[in-house]
Structure formats: C-alpha cells, structure tokens
C-alpha atoms as a PDB file:
ATOM      1  CA  MET A   1      -0.303  -0.101  -0.050  1.00  0.00           C
ATOM      2  CA  LYS A   2       2.694   2.023   0.905  1.00  0.00           C
ATOM      3  CA  LEU A   3       4.234   1.608  -2.395  1.00  0.00           C
ATOM      4  CA  ARG A   4       1.584   2.348  -4.426  1.00  0.00           C
ATOM      5  CA  THR A   5       0.496   5.665  -2.444  1.00  0.00           C
ATOM      6  CA  SER A   6       4.104   6.761  -3.330  1.00  0.00           C
ATOM      7  CA  LEU A   7       3.365   5.870  -6.881  1.00  0.00           C
ATOM      8  CA  LEU A   8       0.377   7.407  -7.206  1.00  0.00           C
ATOM      9  CA  ALA A   9       1.907  10.927  -5.172  1.00  0.00           C
ATOM     10  CA  LEU A  10       4.775  10.930  -8.132  1.00  0.00           C
ATOM     11  CA  LEU A  11       2.362  10.581 -10.773  1.00  0.00           C
ATOM     12  CA  ALA A  12       0.520  13.465  -9.046  1.00  0.00           C
ATOM     13  CA  LEU A  13       3.587  15.640  -9.393  1.00  0.00           C
ATOM     14  CA  ALA A  14       4.346  14.593 -12.609  1.00  0.00           C
ATOM     15  CA  SER A  15       0.966  15.481 -14.141  1.00  0.00           C
ATOM     16  CA  THR A  16       1.141  18.951 -12.603  1.00  0.00           C
ATOM     17  CA  ALA A  17       4.450  19.715 -13.702  1.00  0.00           C
ATOM     18  CA  PHE A  18       3.222  20.662 -17.298  1.00  0.00           C
ATOM     19  CA  ALA A  19       0.509  22.997 -17.883  1.00  0.00           C
ATOM     20  CA  GLU A  20      -1.631  21.718 -21.352  1.00  0.00           C
ATOM     21  CA  ASP A  21       0.295  23.352 -24.614  1.00  0.00           C
ATOM     22  CA  LYS A  22      -1.656  26.487 -25.390  1.00  0.00           C
ATOM     23  CA  ASN A  23      -1.723  27.857 -28.790  1.00  0.00           C
ATOM     24  CA  LEU A  24      -1.093  31.662 -28.792  1.00  0.00           C
ATOM     25  CA  PHE A  25      -2.123  32.696 -32.227  1.00  0.00           C
ATOM     26  CA  ASN A  26      -5.392  31.786 -33.689  1.00  0.00           C
ATOM     27  CA  GLY A  27      -3.979  31.906 -37.122  1.00  0.00           C
ATOM     28  CA  LYS A  28      -6.680  34.666 -38.026  1.00  0.00           C
ATOM     29  CA  ASP A  29      -6.368  37.849 -36.058  1.00  0.00           C
ATOM     30  CA  LEU A  30      -4.206  39.358 -33.610  1.00  0.00           C
ATOM     31  CA  THR A  31      -7.306  38.029 -30.332  1.00  0.00           C
ATOM     32  CA  GLY A  32      -4.534  38.546 -27.205  1.00  0.00           C
ATOM     33  CA  TRP A  33      -1.969  40.715 -28.656  1.00  0.00           C
ATOM     34  CA  LYS A  34      -1.321  44.383 -28.942  1.00  0.00           C
ATOM     35  CA  GLY A  35       0.516  46.484 -30.725  1.00  0.00           C
ATOM     36  CA  LEU A  36       1.422  49.130 -33.416  1.00  0.00           C
ATOM     37  CA  ASP A  37       0.168  49.570 -36.864  1.00  0.00           C
ATOM     38  CA  PHE A  38       2.989  47.752 -38.041  1.00  0.00           C
ATOM     39  CA  TRP A  39       1.655  44.147 -37.317  1.00  0.00           C
ATOM     40  CA  SER A  40      -1.171  42.157 -38.743  1.00  0.00           C
ATOM     41  CA  VAL A  41      -2.159  38.770 -39.968  1.00  0.00           C
ATOM     42  CA  GLU A  42      -1.684  37.147 -42.922  1.00  0.00           C
ATOM     43  CA  ASP A  43      -1.903  34.078 -44.540  1.00  0.00           C
ATOM     44  CA  GLY A  44      -1.980  32.562 -41.201  1.00  0.00           C
ATOM     45  CA  CYS A  45       1.157  34.260 -40.036  1.00  0.00           C
ATOM     46  CA  ILE A  46       1.459  37.267 -37.398  1.00  0.00           C
ATOM     47  CA  VAL A  47       3.595  39.896 -39.841  1.00  0.00           C
ATOM     48  CA  GLY A  48       5.657  42.457 -38.688  1.00  0.00           C
ATOM     49  CA  ARG A  49       6.240  45.350 -41.571  1.00  0.00           C
ATOM     50  CA  THR A  50       8.333  48.201 -42.057  1.00  0.00           C
ATOM     51  CA  THR A  51       8.483  50.033 -44.968  1.00  0.00           C
ATOM     52  CA  LYS A  52      10.381  53.316 -46.307  1.00  0.00           C
ATOM     53  CA  GLU A  53       7.370  54.826 -46.412  1.00  0.00           C
ATOM     54  CA  LYS A  54       6.812  53.873 -42.653  1.00  0.00           C
ATOM     55  CA  PRO A  55       9.267  52.982 -40.943  1.00  0.00           C
ATOM     56  CA  THR A  56       9.299  52.819 -36.905  1.00  0.00           C
ATOM     57  CA  LYS A  57      11.548  55.137 -35.105  1.00  0.00           C
ATOM     58  CA  GLY A  58      12.435  52.798 -32.646  1.00  0.00           C
ATOM     59  CA  ASN A  59      12.340  49.369 -31.496  1.00  0.00           C
ATOM     60  CA  THR A  60       8.305  48.454 -31.277  1.00  0.00           C
ATOM     61  CA  PHE A  61       7.096  45.296 -29.786  1.00  0.00           C
ATOM     62  CA  LEU A  62       3.274  43.286 -30.421  1.00  0.00           C
ATOM     63  CA  VAL A  63       2.584  42.319 -26.928  1.00  0.00           C
ATOM     64  CA  TYR A  64       1.156  39.003 -25.605  1.00  0.00           C
ATOM     65  CA  LYS A  65      -1.404  39.910 -22.431  1.00  0.00           C
ATOM     66  CA  ASP A  66      -0.311  37.208 -20.001  1.00  0.00           C
ATOM     67  CA  GLU A  67       2.816  37.106 -18.209  1.00  0.00           C
ATOM     68  CA  VAL A  68       4.843  34.015 -18.354  1.00  0.00           C
ATOM     69  CA  ALA A  69       7.698  32.780 -15.402  1.00  0.00           C
ATOM     70  CA  ASP A  70       8.882  29.173 -16.148  1.00  0.00           C
ATOM     71  CA  PHE A  71       8.297  27.761 -19.383  1.00  0.00           C
ATOM     72  CA  GLU A  72       9.203  26.127 -22.705  1.00  0.00           C
ATOM     73  CA  LEU A  73       8.090  28.136 -26.044  1.00  0.00           C
ATOM     74  CA  THR A  74       8.168  27.171 -29.310  1.00  0.00           C
ATOM     75  CA  PHE A  75       7.769  29.265 -32.482  1.00  0.00           C
ATOM     76  CA  LYS A  76       8.315  29.244 -36.179  1.00  0.00           C
ATOM     77  CA  TYR A  77       9.710  32.563 -37.896  1.00  0.00           C
ATOM     78  CA  ARG A  78      10.749  33.866 -41.501  1.00  0.00           C
ATOM     79  CA  ILE A  79      12.467  37.050 -41.470  1.00  0.00           C
ATOM     80  CA  THR A  80      13.718  39.102 -44.546  1.00  0.00           C
ATOM     81  CA  ASP A  81      15.078  42.577 -45.804  1.00  0.00           C
ATOM     82  CA  VAL A  82      13.272  44.601 -47.789  1.00  0.00           C
ATOM     83  CA  ASN A  83      13.822  43.242 -51.135  1.00  0.00           C
ATOM     84  CA  GLY A  84      12.938  39.862 -49.690  1.00  0.00           C
ATOM     85  CA  LYS A  85      16.528  38.097 -49.435  1.00  0.00           C
ATOM     86  CA  SER A  86      18.537  37.577 -46.133  1.00  0.00           C
ATOM     87  CA  ASP A  87      21.820  39.541 -46.363  1.00  0.00           C
ATOM     88  CA  GLY A  88      20.726  42.473 -45.639  1.00  0.00           C
ATOM     89  CA  PHE A  89      19.582  44.482 -42.660  1.00  0.00           C
ATOM     90  CA  GLY A  90      16.878  42.769 -40.452  1.00  0.00           C
ATOM     91  CA  ASN A  91      16.539  41.744 -36.921  1.00  0.00           C
ATOM     92  CA  SER A  92      13.800  41.010 -34.455  1.00  0.00           C
ATOM     93  CA  GLY A  93      13.521  38.470 -31.314  1.00  0.00           C
ATOM     94  CA  VAL A  94      11.258  37.359 -28.965  1.00  0.00           C
ATOM     95  CA  GLN A  95      11.333  39.030 -25.732  1.00  0.00           C
ATOM     96  CA  TYR A  96      10.109  36.817 -22.196  1.00  0.00           C
ATOM     97  CA  ARG A  97      10.102  37.508 -18.602  1.00  0.00           C
ATOM     98  CA  SER A  98      10.158  41.255 -19.737  1.00  0.00           C
ATOM     99  CA  LYS A  99       8.634  44.908 -18.463  1.00  0.00           C
ATOM    100  CA  VAL A 100       6.662  46.858 -21.077  1.00  0.00           C
ATOM    101  CA  VAL A 101       8.488  50.616 -20.609  1.00  0.00           C
ATOM    102  CA  ASP A 102       6.212  52.740 -22.901  1.00  0.00           C
ATOM    103  CA  GLU A 103       2.560  51.517 -23.225  1.00  0.00           C
ATOM    104  CA  LYS A 104       1.756  53.971 -26.242  1.00  0.00           C
ATOM    105  CA  ALA A 105       4.794  53.242 -27.999  1.00  0.00           C
ATOM    106  CA  PHE A 106       4.706  49.145 -27.121  1.00  0.00           C
ATOM    107  CA  VAL A 107       8.225  49.122 -26.045  1.00  0.00           C
ATOM    108  CA  VAL A 108       9.947  46.543 -23.900  1.00  0.00           C
ATOM    109  CA  GLY A 109      12.865  45.662 -22.311  1.00  0.00           C
ATOM    110  CA  GLY A 110      14.424  42.177 -20.479  1.00  0.00           C
ATOM    111  CA  TYR A 111      15.478  38.748 -22.020  1.00  0.00           C
ATOM    112  CA  GLN A 112      15.229  38.317 -25.922  1.00  0.00           C
ATOM    113  CA  ALA A 113      15.800  35.555 -27.517  1.00  0.00           C
ATOM    114  CA  ASP A 114      17.448  36.963 -30.804  1.00  0.00           C
ATOM    115  CA  PHE A 115      17.493  36.509 -34.722  1.00  0.00           C
ATOM    116  CA  GLU A 116      17.970  38.347 -37.690  1.00  0.00           C
ATOM    117  CA  CYS A 117      18.821  38.078 -41.425  1.00  0.00           C
ATOM    118  CA  GLY A 118      22.607  38.370 -41.017  1.00  0.00           C
ATOM    119  CA  LYS A 119      24.852  35.665 -39.275  1.00  0.00           C
ATOM    120  CA  ALA A 120      25.617  37.280 -36.078  1.00  0.00           C
ATOM    121  CA  TYR A 121      22.929  37.503 -33.411  1.00  0.00           C
ATOM    122  CA  SER A 122      20.927  34.779 -34.296  1.00  0.00           C
ATOM    123  CA  GLY A 123      20.299  32.087 -31.051  1.00  0.00           C
ATOM    124  CA  ILE A 124      21.913  34.586 -28.406  1.00  0.00           C
ATOM    125  CA  LEU A 125      20.766  35.833 -25.546  1.00  0.00           C
ATOM    126  CA  TYR A 126      20.245  39.691 -25.207  1.00  0.00           C
ATOM    127  CA  GLU A 127      18.662  42.033 -22.794  1.00  0.00           C
ATOM    128  CA  GLU A 128      16.962  44.781 -24.694  1.00  0.00           C
ATOM    129  CA  ARG A 129      17.103  47.903 -22.437  1.00  0.00           C
ATOM    130  CA  GLY A 130      18.982  46.458 -19.883  1.00  0.00           C
ATOM    131  CA  ARG A 131      22.501  44.304 -19.418  1.00  0.00           C
ATOM    132  CA  GLY A 132      23.212  43.871 -23.787  1.00  0.00           C
ATOM    133  CA  ILE A 133      24.505  40.641 -25.129  1.00  0.00           C
ATOM    134  CA  LEU A 134      24.247  38.170 -21.787  1.00  0.00           C
ATOM    135  CA  ALA A 135      25.579  35.179 -24.238  1.00  0.00           C
ATOM    136  CA  GLN A 136      27.061  35.147 -27.995  1.00  0.00           C
ATOM    137  CA  ARG A 137      25.973  32.051 -29.489  1.00  0.00           C
ATOM    138  CA  GLY A 138      27.337  28.596 -28.724  1.00  0.00           C
ATOM    139  CA  GLN A 139      27.998  29.745 -25.233  1.00  0.00           C
ATOM    140  CA  LYS A 140      27.678  28.467 -21.947  1.00  0.00           C
ATOM    141  CA  VAL A 141      27.414  31.231 -19.017  1.00  0.00           C
ATOM    142  CA  VAL A 142      27.169  32.007 -15.862  1.00  0.00           C
ATOM    143  CA  ILE A 143      25.630  35.972 -15.048  1.00  0.00           C
ATOM    144  CA  LYS A 144      27.024  36.818 -11.278  1.00  0.00           C
ATOM    145  CA  GLU A 145      26.724  40.540  -9.918  1.00  0.00           C
ATOM    146  CA  GLY A 146      29.148  43.278 -10.988  1.00  0.00           C
ATOM    147  CA  ALA A 147      29.937  46.312 -10.015  1.00  0.00           C
ATOM    148  CA  ALA A 148      26.634  47.451 -10.972  1.00  0.00           C
ATOM    149  CA  PRO A 149      23.617  45.854 -11.789  1.00  0.00           C
ATOM    150  CA  ASN A 150      23.870  46.460 -15.721  1.00  0.00           C
ATOM    151  CA  LYS A 151      27.287  46.125 -15.442  1.00  0.00           C
ATOM    152  CA  PRO A 152      27.234  42.074 -14.565  1.00  0.00           C
ATOM    153  CA  LYS A 153      30.129  39.897 -14.226  1.00  0.00           C
ATOM    154  CA  ILE A 154      30.147  37.324 -17.126  1.00  0.00           C
ATOM    155  CA  GLU A 155      31.631  34.022 -16.486  1.00  0.00           C
ATOM    156  CA  VAL A 156      31.911  31.959 -19.983  1.00  0.00           C
ATOM    157  CA  THR A 157      31.818  28.276 -18.688  1.00  0.00           C
ATOM    158  CA  GLY A 158      31.843  25.980 -22.037  1.00  0.00           C
ATOM    159  CA  GLU A 159      29.993  25.836 -24.955  1.00  0.00           C
ATOM    160  CA  VAL A 160      27.159  23.992 -26.554  1.00  0.00           C
ATOM    161  CA  GLY A 161      28.651  24.747 -30.114  1.00  0.00           C
ATOM    162  CA  LYS A 162      30.969  26.216 -32.181  1.00  0.00           C
ATOM    163  CA  SER A 163      29.229  29.309 -33.459  1.00  0.00           C
ATOM    164  CA  ALA A 164      29.637  28.903 -37.242  1.00  0.00           C
ATOM    165  CA  GLU A 165      28.102  25.227 -37.504  1.00  0.00           C
ATOM    166  CA  ILE A 166      24.950  26.533 -35.486  1.00  0.00           C
ATOM    167  CA  GLN A 167      24.380  29.165 -37.828  1.00  0.00           C
ATOM    168  CA  ALA A 168      24.816  26.610 -40.600  1.00  0.00           C
ATOM    169  CA  LYS A 169      21.352  25.148 -39.582  1.00  0.00           C
ATOM    170  CA  ILE A 170      19.447  28.030 -40.026  1.00  0.00           C
ATOM    171  CA  LYS A 171      17.594  28.020 -42.824  1.00  0.00           C
ATOM    172  CA  PRO A 172      17.934  32.277 -44.543  1.00  0.00           C
ATOM    173  CA  ALA A 173      14.956  33.692 -45.739  1.00  0.00           C
ATOM    174  CA  ASP A 174      12.907  30.568 -44.861  1.00  0.00           C
ATOM    175  CA  TRP A 175      11.247  28.803 -42.057  1.00  0.00           C
ATOM    176  CA  ASN A 176      12.685  28.055 -38.672  1.00  0.00           C
ATOM    177  CA  GLU A 177      11.764  26.596 -35.318  1.00  0.00           C
ATOM    178  CA  TYR A 178      12.898  28.641 -32.073  1.00  0.00           C
ATOM    179  CA  ARG A 179      12.797  27.053 -28.871  1.00  0.00           C
ATOM    180  CA  ILE A 180      13.614  28.692 -25.307  1.00  0.00           C
ATOM    181  CA  VAL A 181      13.358  27.415 -22.543  1.00  0.00           C
ATOM    182  CA  ALA A 182      13.276  29.355 -19.055  1.00  0.00           C
ATOM    183  CA  GLN A 183      13.313  27.295 -15.430  1.00  0.00           C
ATOM    184  CA  GLY A 184      14.156  29.598 -12.595  1.00  0.00           C
ATOM    185  CA  GLY A 185      17.869  31.218 -13.544  1.00  0.00           C
ATOM    186  CA  HIS A 186      18.548  28.726 -15.829  1.00  0.00           C
ATOM    187  CA  LEU A 187      17.835  29.931 -19.373  1.00  0.00           C
ATOM    188  CA  GLN A 188      18.547  27.964 -23.393  1.00  0.00           C
ATOM    189  CA  HIS A 189      17.638  28.922 -26.717  1.00  0.00           C
ATOM    190  CA  PHE A 190      17.603  26.562 -29.295  1.00  0.00           C
ATOM    191  CA  ILE A 191      17.240  26.389 -33.380  1.00  0.00           C
ATOM    192  CA  ASN A 192      16.253  24.256 -35.353  1.00  0.00           C
ATOM    193  CA  GLY A 193      16.961  21.623 -32.680  1.00  0.00           C
ATOM    194  CA  VAL A 194      20.723  22.871 -31.967  1.00  0.00           C
ATOM    195  CA  GLN A 195      20.904  24.499 -28.661  1.00  0.00           C
ATOM    196  CA  THR A 196      22.470  27.942 -29.123  1.00  0.00           C
ATOM    197  CA  ILE A 197      23.135  29.117 -25.538  1.00  0.00           C
ATOM    198  CA  ASP A 198      22.913  27.994 -21.492  1.00  0.00           C
ATOM    199  CA  VAL A 199      22.721  30.713 -19.460  1.00  0.00           C
ATOM    200  CA  VAL A 200      22.496  30.864 -15.600  1.00  0.00           C
ATOM    201  CA  ASP A 201      21.530  34.154 -14.564  1.00  0.00           C
ATOM    202  CA  GLU A 202      22.476  34.185 -10.846  1.00  0.00           C
ATOM    203  CA  THR A 203      22.180  38.204 -10.533  1.00  0.00           C
ATOM    204  CA  ALA A 204      19.248  39.819  -8.174  1.00  0.00           C
ATOM    205  CA  VAL A 205      18.309  41.475 -11.396  1.00  0.00           C
ATOM    206  CA  GLY A 206      17.539  38.322 -13.267  1.00  0.00           C
ATOM    207  CA  ALA A 207      13.563  38.407 -14.475  1.00  0.00           C
ATOM    208  CA  LYS A 208      11.957  35.348 -12.932  1.00  0.00           C
ATOM    209  CA  LYS A 209       8.895  36.653 -14.599  1.00  0.00           C
ATOM    210  CA  GLY A 210       7.107  38.827 -17.349  1.00  0.00           C
ATOM    211  CA  VAL A 211       5.600  39.503 -20.340  1.00  0.00           C
ATOM    212  CA  LEU A 212       6.055  37.570 -23.835  1.00  0.00           C
ATOM    213  CA  ALA A 213       6.123  39.955 -27.012  1.00  0.00           C
ATOM    214  CA  LEU A 214       7.350  39.826 -30.816  1.00  0.00           C
ATOM    215  CA  GLN A 215      10.456  42.099 -31.886  1.00  0.00           C
ATOM    216  CA  LEU A 216      10.193  44.851 -35.248  1.00  0.00           C
ATOM    217  CA  HIS A 217      13.619  46.432 -34.432  1.00  0.00           C
ATOM    218  CA  ALA A 218      14.109  49.906 -36.115  1.00  0.00           C
ATOM    219  CA  GLY A 219      16.105  50.693 -39.326  1.00  0.00           C
ATOM    220  CA  ALA A 220      16.162  50.028 -42.688  1.00  0.00           C
ATOM    221  CA  PRO A 221      12.782  48.220 -44.162  1.00  0.00           C
ATOM    222  CA  MET A 222      12.144  44.719 -43.038  1.00  0.00           C
ATOM    223  CA  LYS A 223       9.476  42.327 -42.737  1.00  0.00           C
ATOM    224  CA  VAL A 224       9.245  39.214 -39.828  1.00  0.00           C
ATOM    225  CA  GLU A 225       6.807  36.594 -39.793  1.00  0.00           C
ATOM    226  CA  PHE A 226       5.791  33.918 -36.618  1.00  0.00           C
ATOM    227  CA  LYS A 227       3.603  31.063 -36.572  1.00  0.00           C
ATOM    228  CA  ASP A 228       3.243  28.197 -34.622  1.00  0.00           C
ATOM    229  CA  LEU A 229       3.397  29.924 -31.510  1.00  0.00           C
ATOM    230  CA  VAL A 230       3.132  26.871 -28.597  1.00  0.00           C
ATOM    231  CA  LEU A 231       3.357  27.717 -24.632  1.00  0.00           C
ATOM    232  CA  LYS A 232       3.723  25.137 -22.064  1.00  0.00           C
ATOM    233  CA  GLU A 233       3.821  26.598 -18.673  1.00  0.00           C
ATOM    234  CA  THR A 234       6.010  24.779 -15.967  1.00  0.00           C
ATOM    235  CA  LYS A 235       5.928  24.407 -12.331  1.00  0.00           C
END
C-alpha cells in the first residue's frame, strides 16, 4: 500500500509539472496581442513590417496579454529584408520575462531570444534596454553580480557548440523553429533543434516573470513572420 501511494503521488506530481500546451495565436487575428499598426495577420501568420514610407522610430513590440514565469515556448519564424533576401538588414526576436516600459509606443525591455537576417546574432541572449548581450551564440554562461546591476560579471564556462556550425543550421529567408526554455535562473535557446546558448543568471535583477513580446526592429525596411506559437508553462 505504501509503494502504491508513493507511485500515485509521483504520478500526480508529474501531471502538474507541465500545463497543457497553449496556442498563443489563433491563425486568424491578433486576439490576445497588442501593438502598433506595423503588425497584421497574413496567410495564417503574424507579420511585422516596416517600409521606407512607414518606418518605426524605435524598436516596437507586439505584446501578449499574459505574463509567464517558468515555461517552454516554441515558434516558427521567417525574416527578410525589404528585398525579400537574407543578407541585408533585418533583426527581430522574442522577449520573455520582460516589462513594458512605454505602453503607448509598445516598448519592451528584458530577456530576448534574438534572430536576424545576418549571421552574427541569431540564437544569442540579449537583454533589451538592460544589460545588453549576455551570451553569444554557442556559449555556456554564468551571470554573476558585478560592479553595478547593469554591469554584471559574465563568466563563460563552456560551449554548447561552435557558432559557425550553429549558424549553418539556420535557413536564410525561410522558416526556422525556435525553442526557448526558462526554468528559474536557467535559460536555454534552440534553433532547429540545435542548442544555441545555455545561461544561468544568478543576479538579483535576473527576471523570473514577465511578458512575452515579438520585436520589430528600427532601421532599414524589413519583414518578420511568426506562426505556430505554442507555450507550455512549467512549475
């Protein structure tokens, strides 16, 4: 009886460890999301677009209605420059555990899973309006308290892979799958099944909860598309 009770307890714990998958986008409209009119739905995808005639003065975001703490998020993205190519300007990403710092302009600050048209930043961990680049692609990092909250001590403790080899798995101007895993201070990014960073943030300012948001970067005209956004909150 004691063994059976223990097994039942373990099963109950396992059943509550993961919530059901939650689709964050219905494929039809922007229900649950808020942002400026750079965002629309086209062919079942969330689309962010800037043009020469309609630029954004600063980075702006499409913000999801609910906050998240510990979670796993998967989504597909495609990003191109104004000419539909992958070798020009184009930068975006997904904010998580972030804060809205300007409600009217939909400006967000916090952790960002970065990606771009180019070959330098896809997969890195960046902190928008905060501590900047926290982990380069391929790195295992521990973030410790530094001289000031915005100047942490970043210790590179190893690697999850070679940056160029990870980049080679990313399909330019095509659909790629991104996965973000955040559990306590442990943050991981994956693109097309390949891990890009592994970070432990030990600092007091490392956010444990906040909003999700999609980025549209200021600069030259670009287009970014998102689909199949699925959230699994963990405990």
